[in-house]
């Protein structure tokens, strides 16, 4: 029993020595870290002192001017290029052109620019009556001859003659 207790004491002493070695290494690292922290704190203090000297200290006139700029940063100047007495003067050109466009549109709808006779004809625009027998529209046999639309006539008149 005494031998077993002695062995346990030797093992504990070895562990104690190992722990003391680790403590010594950790204390050295702590000292290095404390030194780095101290250097950093000194640098921070000196830079803060330098920065504090660069902060402007405006007088009352500068403070008043700066407060006006912050309160109203954009100044608007109103310059009129074409003054009108009322809104109607500005809207008249718009409504005039709108009325003309609607009027011409309705006129074209009421009075066709191309007669039904011209639309029903086989003759091409600007051709002689002798070309009337030529089948210029490839789809004439499937559509009635009496009612082709203006768009059909315009497309067909732009195609080359196949006679």
Protein backbone atom coordinates (compact mmCIF):
# COMPACT_ATOMS: atom_id res chain seq x y z
CA UNK A 1 0.00 0.00 0.00
CA UNK A 2 2.76 2.35 0.79
CA UNK A 3 4.41 1.53 -2.53
CA UNK A 4 1.16 2.20 -4.36
CA UNK A 5 0.77 5.60 -2.63
CA UNK A 6 4.36 6.46 -3.47
CA UNK A 7 3.76 5.63 -7.14
CA UNK A 8 0.63 7.79 -7.13
CA UNK A 9 2.62 10.69 -5.64
CA UNK A 10 5.31 10.34 -8.35
CA UNK A 11 2.64 10.37 -11.08
CA UNK A 12 0.99 13.43 -9.52
CA UNK A 13 4.34 15.24 -9.33
CA UNK A 14 4.95 14.56 -13.04
CA UNK A 15 1.52 15.91 -13.89
CA UNK A 16 2.17 18.93 -11.65
CA UNK A 17 5.45 19.66 -13.43
CA UNK A 18 3.75 19.35 -16.84
CA UNK A 19 0.99 21.74 -15.71
CA UNK A 20 3.58 24.22 -14.39
CA UNK A 21 5.34 24.12 -17.79
CA UNK A 22 2.06 24.82 -19.60
CA UNK A 23 1.32 27.65 -17.17
CA UNK A 24 4.74 29.18 -17.86
CA UNK A 25 4.16 29.02 -21.65
CA UNK A 26 0.69 30.56 -21.27
CA UNK A 27 2.06 33.33 -19.06
CA UNK A 28 4.61 34.20 -21.80
CA UNK A 29 1.87 34.36 -24.43
CA UNK A 30 -0.23 36.50 -22.08
CA UNK A 31 2.70 38.89 -21.61
CA UNK A 32 3.14 39.21 -25.41
CA UNK A 33 -0.59 39.83 -25.86
CA UNK A 34 -0.64 42.45 -23.11
CA UNK A 35 2.32 44.21 -24.71
CA UNK A 36 0.55 44.24 -28.11
CA UNK A 37 -2.64 45.56 -26.50
CA UNK A 38 -0.68 48.29 -24.72
CA UNK A 39 1.02 49.34 -27.98
CA UNK A 40 -2.37 49.40 -29.74
CA UNK A 41 -3.93 51.51 -26.99
CA UNK A 42 -1.03 53.99 -27.19
CA UNK A 43 -1.42 54.23 -30.99
CA UNK A 44 -5.18 54.74 -30.65
CA UNK A 45 -4.68 57.50 -28.08
CA UNK A 46 -2.14 59.37 -30.23
CA UNK A 47 -4.29 59.12 -33.37
CA UNK A 48 -7.38 60.31 -31.47
CA UNK A 49 -5.39 63.32 -30.27
CA UNK A 50 -4.36 64.10 -33.87
CA UNK A 51 -7.95 63.71 -35.10
CA UNK A 52 -9.35 65.90 -32.34
CA UNK A 53 -7.12 68.71 -33.59
CA UNK A 54 -8.59 68.43 -37.10
CA UNK A 55 -12.24 68.83 -36.07
CA UNK A 56 -13.46 72.23 -37.29
CA UNK A 57 -14.66 74.73 -34.77
CA UNK A 58 -16.91 77.10 -36.75
CA UNK A 59 -17.84 80.54 -35.54
CA UNK A 60 -21.44 81.76 -35.26
CA UNK A 61 -21.61 83.09 -38.84
CA UNK A 62 -20.45 79.75 -40.27
CA UNK A 63 -22.91 77.86 -38.06
CA UNK A 64 -25.77 80.09 -39.25
CA UNK A 65 -24.83 79.64 -42.92
CA UNK A 66 -24.44 75.89 -42.53
CA UNK A 67 -27.81 75.56 -40.77
CA UNK A 68 -29.52 77.39 -43.67
CA UNK A 69 -27.92 75.03 -46.22
CA UNK A 70 -28.92 71.94 -44.23
CA UNK A 71 -32.48 73.21 -43.73
CA UNK A 72 -33.01 74.04 -47.45
CA UNK A 73 -30.35 72.27 -49.56
CA UNK A 74 -31.85 73.02 -52.98
CA UNK A 75 -32.69 76.52 -54.12
CA UNK A 76 -35.26 76.69 -56.91
CA UNK A 77 -35.33 79.60 -59.30
CA UNK A 78 -38.45 79.89 -61.46
CA UNK A 79 -37.68 81.09 -64.99
CA UNK A 80 -40.55 80.98 -67.47
CA UNK A 81 -39.59 80.55 -71.11
CA UNK A 82 -43.09 81.05 -72.51
CA UNK A 83 -45.66 82.65 -70.25
CA UNK A 84 -49.33 82.00 -70.92
CA UNK A 85 -52.24 83.84 -69.36
CA UNK A 86 -54.27 80.65 -68.89
CA UNK A 87 -54.00 76.91 -69.30
CA UNK A 88 -56.14 77.10 -72.45
CA UNK A 89 -53.33 78.82 -74.34
CA UNK A 90 -51.11 75.80 -73.78
CA UNK A 91 -53.79 73.21 -74.50
CA UNK A 92 -55.11 74.79 -77.71
CA UNK A 93 -52.34 73.38 -79.98
CA UNK A 94 -52.84 69.91 -78.54
CA UNK A 95 -56.59 69.89 -79.03
CA UNK A 96 -56.28 71.43 -82.51
CA UNK A 97 -54.03 68.61 -83.73
CA UNK A 98 -56.18 66.01 -81.97
CA UNK A 99 -59.34 67.37 -83.61
CA UNK A 100 -57.67 67.42 -87.04
CA UNK A 101 -56.52 63.83 -86.66
CA UNK A 102 -59.95 62.61 -85.55
CA UNK A 103 -61.60 64.61 -88.35
CA UNK A 104 -59.39 63.12 -91.04
CA UNK A 105 -59.86 59.64 -89.59
CA UNK A 106 -63.65 60.00 -89.65
CA UNK A 107 -63.52 61.48 -93.18
CA UNK A 108 -61.57 58.47 -94.44
CA UNK A 109 -64.08 56.15 -92.77
CA UNK A 110 -67.07 57.97 -94.30
CA UNK A 111 -65.60 58.58 -97.76
CA UNK A 112 -63.42 55.74 -98.98
CA UNK A 113 -60.30 57.01 -100.83
CA UNK A 114 -60.61 54.16 -103.36
CA UNK A 115 -63.93 53.37 -105.02
CA UNK A 116 -65.56 49.94 -104.91
CA UNK A 117 -65.12 49.75 -108.68
CA UNK A 118 -61.36 50.18 -108.37
CA UNK A 119 -61.23 47.62 -105.57
CA UNK A 120 -63.23 45.07 -107.56
CA UNK A 121 -61.12 45.53 -110.70
CA UNK A 122 -58.38 43.09 -111.68
CA UNK A 123 -56.30 45.88 -113.20
CA UNK A 124 -53.23 46.96 -111.35
CA UNK A 125 -52.70 50.54 -110.33
CA UNK A 126 -51.25 52.51 -113.25
CA UNK A 127 -51.69 49.65 -115.76
CA UNK A 128 -53.55 49.67 -119.04
CA UNK A 129 -56.96 47.95 -119.39
CA UNK A 130 -55.31 45.21 -121.43
CA UNK A 131 -53.74 43.86 -118.25
CA UNK A 132 -57.17 43.40 -116.68
CA UNK A 133 -57.37 39.82 -117.86
CA UNK A 134 -54.16 38.90 -116.02
CA UNK A 135 -54.68 37.06 -112.75
CA UNK A 136 -52.54 39.27 -110.53
CA UNK A 137 -53.87 38.01 -107.20
CA UNK A 138 -52.90 34.41 -106.42
CA UNK A 139 -55.91 33.95 -104.10
CA UNK A 140 -58.64 35.39 -106.36
CA UNK A 141 -60.25 32.04 -106.99
CA UNK A 142 -60.90 31.47 -103.27
CA UNK A 143 -62.13 35.02 -102.48
CA UNK A 144 -65.13 36.76 -104.00
CA UNK A 145 -64.15 39.37 -106.63
CA UNK A 146 -66.58 42.02 -105.48
CA UNK A 147 -65.26 42.74 -101.99
CA UNK A 148 -61.47 42.66 -101.50
CA UNK A 149 -60.31 45.05 -98.80
CA UNK A 150 -58.09 48.03 -99.36
CA UNK A 151 -55.20 46.25 -97.63
CA UNK A 152 -55.51 43.33 -100.03
CA UNK A 153 -55.50 45.71 -102.98
CA UNK A 154 -52.47 47.59 -101.63
CA UNK A 155 -50.55 44.35 -101.07
CA UNK A 156 -51.45 42.98 -104.49
CA UNK A 157 -50.46 46.20 -106.26
CA UNK A 158 -47.00 46.01 -104.71
CA UNK A 159 -46.38 42.46 -106.04
CA UNK A 160 -44.62 41.88 -109.40
CA UNK A 161 -46.78 41.00 -112.41
CA UNK A 162 -46.90 37.26 -113.22
CA UNK A 163 -48.40 37.42 -116.73
